[in-house]
């Protein structure tokens, strides 16, 4: 429960996209958008690309500390893993797109991380997330409503990335859009070495 004068932080927990991969995805998606669509989108800079595991909203410091402790403890036995980029997707849909995203596939590992984050949020008194978790990285946001089809964005090759940490992020609104900074990082156990 927050009092009137208590400072809050707009936060979410996520997996960051490695910068070299993020730069590749950014460049390829802009190329796919072409001259017409490219200017109707506000592009996420590669440094800001991430997979949101759970949006937390406005939190006070005590709630974030409690949430962080739960996540740190819950992730101590979780191993790092590989995931792959998938198809382009429009949120909420292609008729009224607000965001251009790329699906991410990891078997069930990203879903498992999301469930841990959801459980931590619930234990800290946050509202239950009603939407199903769909692992994705947002590449751009539409500046205005624009009907699109998947033919505008034929698919890219798949790229592999390794998830070796989860980060608690702060989101601040600026004139250029949302700016994200890391509040805390939670390392996962090293990947199992293959024989």
N, C-alpha and C. Protein backbone atom coordinates (compact mmCIF):
# COMPACT_ATOMS: atom_id res chain seq x y z
N UNK A 1 0.85 -1.20 0.00
CA UNK A 1 0.00 0.00 0.00
C UNK A 1 0.88 1.25 0.00
N UNK A 2 0.62 2.18 -0.91
CA UNK A 2 1.48 3.36 -0.94
C UNK A 2 0.76 4.58 -0.36
N UNK A 3 1.51 5.41 0.36
CA UNK A 3 0.95 6.64 0.90
C UNK A 3 1.10 7.73 -0.15
N UNK A 4 0.44 8.87 0.11
CA UNK A 4 0.42 9.96 -0.88
C UNK A 4 1.80 10.43 -1.31
N UNK A 5 2.70 10.61 -0.33
CA UNK A 5 4.00 11.19 -0.66
C UNK A 5 5.08 10.13 -0.93
N UNK A 6 4.67 8.87 -0.98
CA UNK A 6 5.66 7.82 -1.22
C UNK A 6 6.03 7.76 -2.70
N UNK A 7 7.34 7.76 -2.97
CA UNK A 7 7.83 7.74 -4.35
C UNK A 7 7.64 6.35 -4.94
N UNK A 8 7.19 6.31 -6.20
CA UNK A 8 7.04 5.02 -6.86
C UNK A 8 7.95 4.94 -8.09
N UNK A 9 8.20 3.73 -8.49
CA UNK A 9 9.04 3.46 -9.66
C UNK A 9 8.22 2.59 -10.61
N UNK A 10 8.16 3.00 -11.87
CA UNK A 10 7.48 2.19 -12.89
C UNK A 10 8.48 1.12 -13.32
N UNK A 11 8.12 -0.14 -13.11
CA UNK A 11 9.11 -1.20 -13.28
C UNK A 11 8.55 -2.40 -14.04
N UNK A 12 9.47 -3.19 -14.58
CA UNK A 12 9.12 -4.47 -15.20
C UNK A 12 10.34 -5.38 -15.10
N UNK A 13 10.11 -6.67 -15.27
CA UNK A 13 11.22 -7.62 -15.21
C UNK A 13 11.34 -8.29 -16.58
N UNK A 14 12.57 -8.46 -17.04
CA UNK A 14 12.77 -8.83 -18.45
C UNK A 14 14.06 -9.59 -18.67
N UNK A 15 14.20 -10.06 -19.91
CA UNK A 15 15.45 -10.61 -20.44
C UNK A 15 15.92 -9.64 -21.51
N UNK A 16 17.13 -9.15 -21.40
CA UNK A 16 17.65 -8.23 -22.41
C UNK A 16 18.15 -8.99 -23.64
N UNK A 17 18.01 -8.37 -24.81
CA UNK A 17 18.54 -8.94 -26.05
C UNK A 17 19.99 -8.50 -26.17
N UNK A 18 20.94 -9.43 -26.41
CA UNK A 18 22.35 -9.01 -26.58
C UNK A 18 22.46 -7.95 -27.66
N UNK A 19 23.33 -6.97 -27.45
CA UNK A 19 23.39 -5.79 -28.33
C UNK A 19 23.68 -6.15 -29.79
N UNK A 20 24.57 -7.11 -30.04
CA UNK A 20 24.88 -7.45 -31.44
C UNK A 20 23.66 -8.05 -32.14
N UNK A 21 22.91 -8.90 -31.43
CA UNK A 21 21.69 -9.46 -32.01
C UNK A 21 20.63 -8.38 -32.16
N UNK A 22 20.47 -7.53 -31.16
CA UNK A 22 19.47 -6.46 -31.22
C UNK A 22 19.72 -5.55 -32.42
N UNK A 23 20.99 -5.24 -32.68
CA UNK A 23 21.34 -4.38 -33.82
C UNK A 23 20.97 -5.06 -35.14
N UNK A 24 21.20 -6.37 -35.21
CA UNK A 24 20.84 -7.14 -36.41
C UNK A 24 19.33 -7.13 -36.62
N UNK A 25 18.57 -7.40 -35.55
CA UNK A 25 17.11 -7.44 -35.64
C UNK A 25 16.56 -6.08 -36.07
N UNK A 26 17.12 -5.02 -35.50
CA UNK A 26 16.72 -3.64 -35.81
C UNK A 26 16.92 -3.35 -37.31
N UNK A 27 18.10 -3.67 -37.80
CA UNK A 27 18.45 -3.40 -39.20
C UNK A 27 17.59 -4.22 -40.16
N UNK A 28 17.42 -5.52 -39.84
CA UNK A 28 16.64 -6.40 -40.72
C UNK A 28 15.17 -5.99 -40.74
N UNK A 29 14.61 -5.64 -39.57
CA UNK A 29 13.19 -5.25 -39.50
C UNK A 29 12.95 -3.95 -40.27
N UNK A 30 13.88 -3.00 -40.17
CA UNK A 30 13.74 -1.74 -40.92
C UNK A 30 13.77 -2.02 -42.43
N UNK A 31 14.65 -2.94 -42.83
CA UNK A 31 14.73 -3.32 -44.24
C UNK A 31 13.41 -3.95 -44.69
N UNK A 32 12.84 -4.83 -43.85
CA UNK A 32 11.57 -5.49 -44.18
C UNK A 32 10.43 -4.47 -44.27
N UNK A 33 10.47 -3.46 -43.42
CA UNK A 33 9.40 -2.45 -43.39
C UNK A 33 9.35 -1.66 -44.69
N UNK A 34 10.51 -1.46 -45.33
CA UNK A 34 10.56 -0.71 -46.58
C UNK A 34 10.35 0.78 -46.35
N UNK A 35 10.43 1.55 -47.42
CA UNK A 35 10.36 3.01 -47.31
C UNK A 35 9.01 3.50 -46.80
N UNK A 36 7.92 2.84 -47.21
CA UNK A 36 6.59 3.33 -46.84
C UNK A 36 6.32 3.16 -45.35
N UNK A 37 6.49 1.93 -44.86
CA UNK A 37 6.15 1.65 -43.46
C UNK A 37 7.20 2.15 -42.48
N UNK A 38 8.44 2.19 -42.91
CA UNK A 38 9.52 2.53 -41.99
C UNK A 38 9.28 3.84 -41.25
N UNK A 39 8.70 4.81 -41.95
CA UNK A 39 8.49 6.13 -41.35
C UNK A 39 7.20 6.22 -40.53
N UNK A 40 6.39 5.16 -40.57
CA UNK A 40 5.17 5.14 -39.76
C UNK A 40 5.41 4.45 -38.42
N UNK A 41 6.66 4.07 -38.20
CA UNK A 41 7.02 3.35 -36.97
C UNK A 41 8.03 4.15 -36.15
N UNK A 42 7.89 4.06 -34.82
CA UNK A 42 8.90 4.63 -33.92
C UNK A 42 9.73 3.44 -33.44
N UNK A 43 10.98 3.37 -33.88
CA UNK A 43 11.80 2.18 -33.67
C UNK A 43 12.44 2.16 -32.28
N UNK A 44 12.45 0.98 -31.69
CA UNK A 44 13.16 0.78 -30.42
C UNK A 44 14.65 0.75 -30.75
N UNK A 45 15.45 1.50 -30.02
CA UNK A 45 16.89 1.43 -30.27
C UNK A 45 17.38 0.06 -29.77
N UNK A 46 18.39 -0.51 -30.40
CA UNK A 46 18.84 -1.84 -30.00
C UNK A 46 19.13 -1.99 -28.51
N UNK A 47 19.68 -0.94 -27.89
CA UNK A 47 20.02 -1.01 -26.46
C UNK A 47 18.80 -1.21 -25.57
N UNK A 48 17.60 -0.92 -26.09
CA UNK A 48 16.37 -1.00 -25.28
C UNK A 48 15.59 -2.30 -25.52
N UNK A 49 16.03 -3.13 -26.46
CA UNK A 49 15.26 -4.33 -26.81
C UNK A 49 15.31 -5.37 -25.68
N UNK A 50 14.16 -5.95 -25.40
CA UNK A 50 14.06 -6.93 -24.31
C UNK A 50 12.82 -7.80 -24.48
N UNK A 51 12.76 -8.87 -23.72
CA UNK A 51 11.57 -9.72 -23.63
C UNK A 51 10.98 -9.47 -22.25
N UNK A 52 9.81 -8.86 -22.17
CA UNK A 52 9.19 -8.60 -20.87
C UNK A 52 8.64 -9.90 -20.30
N UNK A 53 9.08 -10.24 -19.09
CA UNK A 53 8.56 -11.42 -18.39
C UNK A 53 7.32 -11.06 -17.56
N UNK A 54 7.35 -9.86 -16.97
CA UNK A 54 6.19 -9.39 -16.18
C UNK A 54 6.29 -7.88 -16.02
N UNK A 55 5.24 -7.17 -16.45
CA UNK A 55 5.17 -5.73 -16.21
C UNK A 55 4.66 -5.55 -14.78
N UNK A 56 5.34 -4.75 -14.00
CA UNK A 56 4.99 -4.57 -12.58
C UNK A 56 4.22 -3.29 -12.33
N UNK A 57 4.39 -2.29 -13.19
CA UNK A 57 3.68 -1.02 -13.01
C UNK A 57 4.35 -0.15 -11.96
N UNK A 58 3.57 0.74 -11.37
CA UNK A 58 4.09 1.67 -10.35
C UNK A 58 4.27 0.93 -9.03
N UNK A 59 5.51 0.85 -8.56
CA UNK A 59 5.82 0.10 -7.33
C UNK A 59 6.56 1.00 -6.35
N UNK A 60 6.31 0.80 -5.06
CA UNK A 60 7.13 1.50 -4.08
C UNK A 60 8.40 0.69 -3.83
N UNK A 61 9.37 1.30 -3.20
CA UNK A 61 10.68 0.66 -3.01
C UNK A 61 10.57 -0.62 -2.18
N UNK A 62 9.70 -0.61 -1.20
CA UNK A 62 9.54 -1.79 -0.34
C UNK A 62 9.03 -2.99 -1.15
N UNK A 63 8.02 -2.76 -2.00
CA UNK A 63 7.48 -3.83 -2.85
C UNK A 63 8.55 -4.37 -3.79
N UNK A 64 9.32 -3.46 -4.38
CA UNK A 64 10.38 -3.88 -5.31
C UNK A 64 11.46 -4.69 -4.60
N UNK A 65 11.77 -4.30 -3.36
CA UNK A 65 12.78 -5.03 -2.59
C UNK A 65 12.28 -6.44 -2.27
N UNK A 66 11.01 -6.52 -1.87
CA UNK A 66 10.39 -7.81 -1.56
C UNK A 66 10.34 -8.70 -2.82
N UNK A 67 9.95 -8.11 -3.93
CA UNK A 67 9.88 -8.83 -5.20
C UNK A 67 11.27 -9.32 -5.61
N UNK A 68 12.27 -8.44 -5.49
CA UNK A 68 13.65 -8.78 -5.86
C UNK A 68 14.17 -9.96 -5.04
N UNK A 69 13.88 -9.94 -3.75
CA UNK A 69 14.34 -11.03 -2.88
C UNK A 69 13.73 -12.36 -3.32
N UNK A 70 12.45 -12.32 -3.66
CA UNK A 70 11.77 -13.55 -4.10
C UNK A 70 12.40 -14.05 -5.41
N UNK A 71 12.63 -13.15 -6.37
CA UNK A 71 13.18 -13.53 -7.67
C UNK A 71 14.59 -14.08 -7.49
N UNK A 72 15.41 -13.40 -6.69
CA UNK A 72 16.79 -13.84 -6.47
C UNK A 72 16.82 -15.27 -5.93
N UNK A 73 15.98 -15.53 -4.94
CA UNK A 73 15.93 -16.86 -4.33
C UNK A 73 15.38 -17.90 -5.31
N UNK A 74 14.36 -17.53 -6.07
CA UNK A 74 13.71 -18.47 -6.99
C UNK A 74 14.60 -18.85 -8.17
N UNK A 75 15.52 -17.96 -8.55
CA UNK A 75 16.35 -18.21 -9.73
C UNK A 75 17.67 -18.93 -9.41
N UNK A 76 17.93 -19.17 -8.13
CA UNK A 76 19.23 -19.75 -7.75
C UNK A 76 19.48 -21.11 -8.41
N UNK A 77 18.43 -21.87 -8.67
CA UNK A 77 18.63 -23.21 -9.26
C UNK A 77 18.31 -23.27 -10.76
N UNK A 78 17.94 -22.13 -11.36
CA UNK A 78 17.56 -22.12 -12.78
C UNK A 78 18.80 -21.93 -13.66
N UNK A 79 18.95 -22.83 -14.62
CA UNK A 79 20.09 -22.75 -15.54
C UNK A 79 19.80 -21.81 -16.70
N UNK A 80 20.86 -21.20 -17.24
CA UNK A 80 20.72 -20.43 -18.46
C UNK A 80 20.28 -21.34 -19.59
N UNK A 81 19.80 -20.77 -20.68
CA UNK A 81 19.29 -21.57 -21.80
C UNK A 81 19.36 -20.76 -23.08
N UNK A 82 19.22 -21.46 -24.19
CA UNK A 82 19.19 -20.80 -25.50
C UNK A 82 17.75 -20.61 -25.95
N UNK A 83 17.51 -19.53 -26.69
CA UNK A 83 16.22 -19.36 -27.34
C UNK A 83 16.44 -18.81 -28.74
N UNK A 84 15.39 -18.87 -29.54
CA UNK A 84 15.48 -18.50 -30.96
C UNK A 84 14.43 -17.45 -31.30
N UNK A 85 14.78 -16.58 -32.25
CA UNK A 85 13.78 -15.64 -32.77
C UNK A 85 12.84 -16.41 -33.70
N UNK A 86 11.61 -15.92 -33.80
CA UNK A 86 10.61 -16.57 -34.65
C UNK A 86 10.03 -15.61 -35.67
N UNK A 87 8.70 -15.65 -35.82
CA UNK A 87 7.99 -14.84 -36.83
C UNK A 87 7.69 -13.44 -36.32
N UNK A 88 7.43 -12.55 -37.26
CA UNK A 88 6.92 -11.22 -36.91
C UNK A 88 5.50 -11.35 -36.38
N UNK A 89 5.13 -10.45 -35.49
CA UNK A 89 3.77 -10.44 -34.95
C UNK A 89 3.37 -8.99 -34.71
N UNK A 90 2.07 -8.73 -34.82
CA UNK A 90 1.54 -7.38 -34.56
C UNK A 90 0.69 -7.43 -33.29
N UNK A 91 0.89 -6.46 -32.41
CA UNK A 91 0.08 -6.38 -31.19
C UNK A 91 -0.81 -5.15 -31.24
N UNK A 92 -2.10 -5.21 -30.90
CA UNK A 92 -2.81 -6.44 -30.54
C UNK A 92 -3.12 -7.33 -31.74
N UNK A 93 -3.23 -6.74 -32.96
CA UNK A 93 -3.46 -7.54 -34.17
C UNK A 93 -3.13 -6.68 -35.40
N UNK A 94 -3.21 -7.30 -36.58
CA UNK A 94 -2.81 -6.59 -37.82
C UNK A 94 -3.82 -5.52 -38.25
N UNK A 95 -5.08 -5.60 -37.77
CA UNK A 95 -6.09 -4.60 -38.13
C UNK A 95 -5.84 -3.28 -37.37
N UNK A 96 -5.40 -3.39 -36.12
CA UNK A 96 -5.17 -2.19 -35.30
C UNK A 96 -3.79 -2.29 -34.63
N UNK A 97 -2.74 -2.40 -35.41
CA UNK A 97 -1.44 -2.66 -34.79
C UNK A 97 -0.92 -1.45 -34.01
N UNK A 98 -0.45 -1.73 -32.82
CA UNK A 98 0.23 -0.69 -32.03
C UNK A 98 1.73 -0.98 -31.96
N UNK A 99 2.08 -2.27 -32.11
CA UNK A 99 3.49 -2.63 -32.01
C UNK A 99 3.85 -3.72 -33.01
N UNK A 100 5.09 -3.64 -33.49
CA UNK A 100 5.67 -4.68 -34.34
C UNK A 100 6.64 -5.45 -33.45
N UNK A 101 6.45 -6.77 -33.39
CA UNK A 101 7.27 -7.59 -32.49
C UNK A 101 7.77 -8.82 -33.23
N UNK A 102 8.68 -9.52 -32.58
CA UNK A 102 9.23 -10.77 -33.09
C UNK A 102 9.04 -11.82 -32.01
N UNK A 103 8.40 -12.94 -32.36
CA UNK A 103 8.21 -14.03 -31.39
C UNK A 103 9.56 -14.59 -30.96
N UNK A 104 9.58 -15.12 -29.74
CA UNK A 104 10.78 -15.79 -29.23
C UNK A 104 10.39 -17.20 -28.79
N UNK A 105 11.23 -18.19 -29.14
CA UNK A 105 10.95 -19.60 -28.81
C UNK A 105 12.05 -20.16 -27.93
N UNK A 106 11.63 -20.86 -26.85
CA UNK A 106 12.63 -21.41 -25.94
C UNK A 106 12.19 -22.76 -25.37
N UNK A 107 11.30 -23.47 -26.07
CA UNK A 107 10.67 -24.60 -25.41
C UNK A 107 9.74 -23.99 -24.38
N UNK A 108 9.92 -24.32 -23.12
CA UNK A 108 9.07 -23.73 -22.08
C UNK A 108 9.86 -22.86 -21.10
N UNK A 109 11.15 -22.63 -21.37
CA UNK A 109 11.97 -21.93 -20.37
C UNK A 109 11.55 -20.48 -20.10
N UNK A 110 11.23 -19.71 -21.16
CA UNK A 110 10.78 -18.33 -20.94
C UNK A 110 9.46 -18.32 -20.20
N UNK A 111 8.58 -19.28 -20.52
CA UNK A 111 7.30 -19.39 -19.81
C UNK A 111 7.52 -19.69 -18.34
N UNK A 112 8.50 -20.55 -18.05
CA UNK A 112 8.81 -20.90 -16.65
C UNK A 112 9.29 -19.66 -15.89
N UNK A 113 10.15 -18.85 -16.53
CA UNK A 113 10.62 -17.61 -15.89
C UNK A 113 9.44 -16.66 -15.65
N UNK A 114 8.55 -16.58 -16.64
CA UNK A 114 7.38 -15.71 -16.51
C UNK A 114 6.51 -16.14 -15.33
N UNK A 115 6.34 -17.45 -15.16
CA UNK A 115 5.52 -17.95 -14.03
C UNK A 115 6.15 -17.60 -12.68
N UNK A 116 7.47 -17.69 -12.59
CA UNK A 116 8.17 -17.31 -11.36
C UNK A 116 7.93 -15.83 -11.06
N UNK A 117 8.04 -15.00 -12.09
CA UNK A 117 7.83 -13.54 -11.93
C UNK A 117 6.40 -13.23 -11.53
N UNK A 118 5.45 -13.96 -12.12
CA UNK A 118 4.03 -13.77 -11.78
C UNK A 118 3.78 -14.13 -10.32
N UNK A 119 4.36 -15.25 -9.90
CA UNK A 119 4.19 -15.68 -8.50
C UNK A 119 4.78 -14.65 -7.54
N UNK A 120 5.96 -14.12 -7.89
CA UNK A 120 6.59 -13.08 -7.06
C UNK A 120 5.74 -11.82 -6.99
N UNK A 121 5.17 -11.43 -8.11
CA UNK A 121 4.30 -10.24 -8.15
C UNK A 121 3.06 -10.44 -7.29
N UNK A 122 2.45 -11.62 -7.37
CA UNK A 122 1.25 -11.91 -6.57
C UNK A 122 1.57 -11.89 -5.08
N UNK A 123 2.71 -12.48 -4.69
CA UNK A 123 3.11 -12.50 -3.28
C UNK A 123 3.35 -11.10 -2.73
N UNK A 124 3.71 -10.18 -3.62
CA UNK A 124 3.95 -8.79 -3.20
C UNK A 124 2.68 -7.94 -3.29
N UNK A 125 1.55 -8.59 -3.52
CA UNK A 125 0.27 -7.87 -3.53
C UNK A 125 -0.08 -7.20 -4.84
N UNK A 126 0.63 -7.53 -5.92
CA UNK A 126 0.31 -6.93 -7.22
C UNK A 126 -0.84 -7.69 -7.87
N UNK A 127 -1.60 -6.99 -8.71
CA UNK A 127 -2.72 -7.61 -9.40
C UNK A 127 -2.28 -8.74 -10.30
N UNK A 128 -3.13 -9.73 -10.44
CA UNK A 128 -2.82 -10.86 -11.31
C UNK A 128 -2.79 -10.38 -12.76
N UNK A 129 -1.83 -10.89 -13.54
CA UNK A 129 -1.74 -10.58 -14.98
C UNK A 129 -2.78 -11.43 -15.70
N UNK A 130 -3.74 -10.79 -16.36
CA UNK A 130 -4.85 -11.52 -16.99
C UNK A 130 -4.49 -12.01 -18.40
N UNK A 131 -3.53 -11.35 -19.05
CA UNK A 131 -3.17 -11.76 -20.41
C UNK A 131 -2.22 -12.95 -20.37
N UNK A 132 -2.36 -13.85 -21.35
CA UNK A 132 -1.42 -14.96 -21.46
C UNK A 132 -0.06 -14.43 -21.86
N UNK A 133 0.98 -15.04 -21.33
CA UNK A 133 2.35 -14.66 -21.66
C UNK A 133 2.68 -15.14 -23.07
N UNK A 134 3.13 -14.21 -23.92
CA UNK A 134 3.56 -14.53 -25.29
C UNK A 134 4.96 -13.96 -25.45
N UNK A 135 6.00 -14.82 -25.35
CA UNK A 135 7.37 -14.29 -25.41
C UNK A 135 7.65 -13.58 -26.73
N UNK A 136 8.06 -12.33 -26.65
CA UNK A 136 8.34 -11.56 -27.85
C UNK A 136 9.26 -10.39 -27.52
N UNK A 137 9.89 -9.86 -28.54
CA UNK A 137 10.68 -8.63 -28.40
C UNK A 137 10.01 -7.57 -29.28
N UNK A 138 9.67 -6.43 -28.69
CA UNK A 138 9.07 -5.33 -29.45
C UNK A 138 10.18 -4.60 -30.21
N UNK A 139 9.98 -4.47 -31.52
CA UNK A 139 10.98 -3.81 -32.37
C UNK A 139 10.60 -2.36 -32.67
N UNK A 140 9.29 -2.08 -32.74
CA UNK A 140 8.84 -0.72 -33.09
C UNK A 140 7.39 -0.54 -32.66
N UNK A 141 6.99 0.71 -32.54
CA UNK A 141 5.59 1.05 -32.24
C UNK A 141 5.05 1.90 -33.39
N UNK A 142 3.80 1.64 -33.76
CA UNK A 142 3.17 2.41 -34.83
C UNK A 142 2.81 3.80 -34.32
N UNK A 143 3.16 4.83 -35.11
CA UNK A 143 2.86 6.22 -34.72
C UNK A 143 1.38 6.51 -34.86
N UNK A 144 0.73 5.80 -35.81
CA UNK A 144 -0.71 5.98 -36.02
C UNK A 144 -1.28 4.65 -36.48
N UNK A 145 -2.61 4.54 -36.43
CA UNK A 145 -3.23 3.29 -36.88
C UNK A 145 -2.93 3.08 -38.36
N UNK A 146 -2.51 1.88 -38.69
CA UNK A 146 -2.17 1.59 -40.08
C UNK A 146 -2.39 0.11 -40.30
N UNK A 147 -3.33 -0.26 -41.15
CA UNK A 147 -3.60 -1.67 -41.42
C UNK A 147 -2.38 -2.29 -42.10
N UNK A 148 -1.94 -3.42 -41.57
CA UNK A 148 -0.78 -4.11 -42.16
C UNK A 148 -1.13 -5.57 -42.41
N UNK A 149 -0.34 -6.21 -43.24
CA UNK A 149 -0.49 -7.66 -43.46
C UNK A 149 0.88 -8.29 -43.24
N UNK A 150 0.88 -9.60 -43.04
CA UNK A 150 2.16 -10.27 -42.81
C UNK A 150 3.03 -10.24 -44.06
N UNK A 151 2.44 -9.96 -45.24
CA UNK A 151 3.25 -9.86 -46.46
C UNK A 151 4.16 -8.62 -46.40
N UNK A 152 3.77 -7.62 -45.56
CA UNK A 152 4.65 -6.46 -45.37
C UNK A 152 5.95 -6.90 -44.68
N UNK A 153 5.84 -7.94 -43.85
CA UNK A 153 6.98 -8.38 -43.05
C UNK A 153 7.19 -9.88 -43.24
N UNK A 154 7.70 -10.26 -44.43
CA UNK A 154 8.00 -11.69 -44.59
C UNK A 154 9.12 -12.01 -43.61
N UNK A 155 9.19 -13.26 -43.21
CA UNK A 155 9.99 -13.60 -42.04
C UNK A 155 11.49 -13.59 -42.25
N UNK A 156 12.17 -13.35 -41.15
CA UNK A 156 13.63 -13.32 -41.14
C UNK A 156 14.16 -14.72 -40.83
N UNK A 157 15.45 -14.93 -41.05
CA UNK A 157 16.05 -16.18 -40.57
C UNK A 157 15.98 -16.21 -39.05
N UNK A 158 16.08 -17.38 -38.47
CA UNK A 158 16.09 -17.49 -37.01
C UNK A 158 17.48 -17.16 -36.47
N UNK A 159 17.49 -16.48 -35.34
CA UNK A 159 18.74 -16.16 -34.66
C UNK A 159 18.69 -16.76 -33.25
N UNK A 160 19.83 -17.24 -32.79
CA UNK A 160 19.91 -17.86 -31.47
C UNK A 160 20.52 -16.87 -30.47
N UNK A 161 20.02 -16.89 -29.25
CA UNK A 161 20.63 -16.12 -28.18
C UNK A 161 20.62 -16.94 -26.90
N UNK A 162 21.55 -16.63 -26.01
CA UNK A 162 21.62 -17.32 -24.73
C UNK A 162 21.08 -16.41 -23.64
N UNK A 163 20.18 -16.94 -22.83
CA UNK A 163 19.64 -16.21 -21.69
C UNK A 163 20.48 -16.61 -20.48
N UNK A 164 21.22 -15.65 -19.92
CA UNK A 164 22.06 -15.96 -18.76
C UNK A 164 21.74 -15.09 -17.55
N UNK A 165 20.77 -14.16 -17.72
CA UNK A 165 20.35 -13.35 -16.58
C UNK A 165 18.96 -12.78 -16.83
N UNK A 166 18.33 -12.39 -15.74
CA UNK A 166 17.04 -11.71 -15.77
C UNK A 166 17.27 -10.35 -15.11
N UNK A 167 16.64 -9.30 -15.63
CA UNK A 167 16.89 -7.96 -15.09
C UNK A 167 15.60 -7.28 -14.66
N UNK A 168 15.69 -6.56 -13.55
CA UNK A 168 14.61 -5.70 -13.09
C UNK A 168 14.88 -4.33 -13.68
N UNK A 169 13.91 -3.81 -14.45
CA UNK A 169 14.12 -2.56 -15.19
C UNK A 169 13.20 -1.45 -14.69
N UNK A 170 13.71 -0.23 -14.80
CA UNK A 170 12.93 0.97 -14.50
C UNK A 170 12.55 1.60 -15.83
N UNK A 171 11.31 2.06 -15.95
CA UNK A 171 10.84 2.70 -17.17
C UNK A 171 10.48 4.15 -16.87
N UNK A 172 11.07 5.06 -17.63
CA UNK A 172 10.77 6.50 -17.48
C UNK A 172 10.30 7.05 -18.81
N UNK A 173 9.22 7.83 -18.76
CA UNK A 173 8.68 8.42 -19.99
C UNK A 173 9.39 9.74 -20.28
N UNK A 174 9.88 9.85 -21.53
CA UNK A 174 10.53 11.09 -21.97
C UNK A 174 9.88 11.53 -23.28
N UNK A 175 10.30 12.67 -23.79
CA UNK A 175 9.76 13.18 -25.06
C UNK A 175 10.07 12.22 -26.21
N UNK A 176 11.16 11.49 -26.09
CA UNK A 176 11.55 10.53 -27.15
C UNK A 176 10.90 9.15 -26.95
N UNK A 177 10.08 9.02 -25.93
CA UNK A 177 9.47 7.71 -25.63
C UNK A 177 10.02 7.16 -24.33
N UNK A 178 9.70 5.91 -24.03
CA UNK A 178 10.14 5.31 -22.78
C UNK A 178 11.65 5.05 -22.80
N UNK A 179 12.29 5.32 -21.68
CA UNK A 179 13.72 5.03 -21.50
C UNK A 179 13.85 4.01 -20.37
N UNK A 180 14.66 2.97 -20.60
CA UNK A 180 14.79 1.90 -19.63
C UNK A 180 16.19 1.87 -19.03
N UNK A 181 16.24 1.57 -17.74
CA UNK A 181 17.54 1.39 -17.07
C UNK A 181 17.43 0.21 -16.11
N UNK A 182 18.56 -0.47 -15.91
CA UNK A 182 18.57 -1.67 -15.06
C UNK A 182 18.66 -1.27 -13.59
N UNK A 183 17.74 -1.79 -12.79
CA UNK A 183 17.78 -1.58 -11.35
C UNK A 183 18.59 -2.69 -10.68
N UNK A 184 18.39 -3.92 -11.19
CA UNK A 184 19.05 -5.07 -10.60
C UNK A 184 19.13 -6.21 -11.60
N UNK A 185 20.22 -6.96 -11.57
CA UNK A 185 20.37 -8.12 -12.45
C UNK A 185 20.42 -9.40 -11.60
N UNK A 186 19.77 -10.44 -12.10
CA UNK A 186 19.73 -11.73 -11.41
C UNK A 186 20.35 -12.79 -12.33
N UNK A 187 21.59 -13.21 -12.05
CA UNK A 187 22.22 -14.19 -12.94
C UNK A 187 21.59 -15.57 -12.80
N UNK A 188 21.55 -16.31 -13.90
CA UNK A 188 21.11 -17.70 -13.87
C UNK A 188 22.35 -18.58 -13.74
N UNK A 189 22.15 -19.85 -13.41
CA UNK A 189 23.26 -20.79 -13.34
C UNK A 189 23.86 -20.98 -14.73
N UNK A 190 25.17 -21.27 -14.82
CA UNK A 190 25.78 -21.47 -16.14
C UNK A 190 25.09 -22.59 -16.91
N UNK A 191 25.11 -22.49 -18.24
CA UNK A 191 24.53 -23.52 -19.09
C UNK A 191 25.25 -24.84 -18.84
N UNK A 192 24.50 -25.93 -18.93
CA UNK A 192 25.12 -27.25 -18.82
C UNK A 192 26.01 -27.45 -20.05
N UNK A 193 27.24 -27.89 -19.80
CA UNK A 193 28.17 -28.12 -20.94
C UNK A 193 27.80 -29.44 -21.63
N UNK A 194 27.75 -29.41 -22.96
CA UNK A 194 27.45 -30.64 -23.68
C UNK A 194 28.72 -31.49 -23.79
N UNK A 195 28.55 -32.80 -23.74
CA UNK A 195 29.71 -33.70 -23.73
C UNK A 195 30.37 -33.74 -25.10
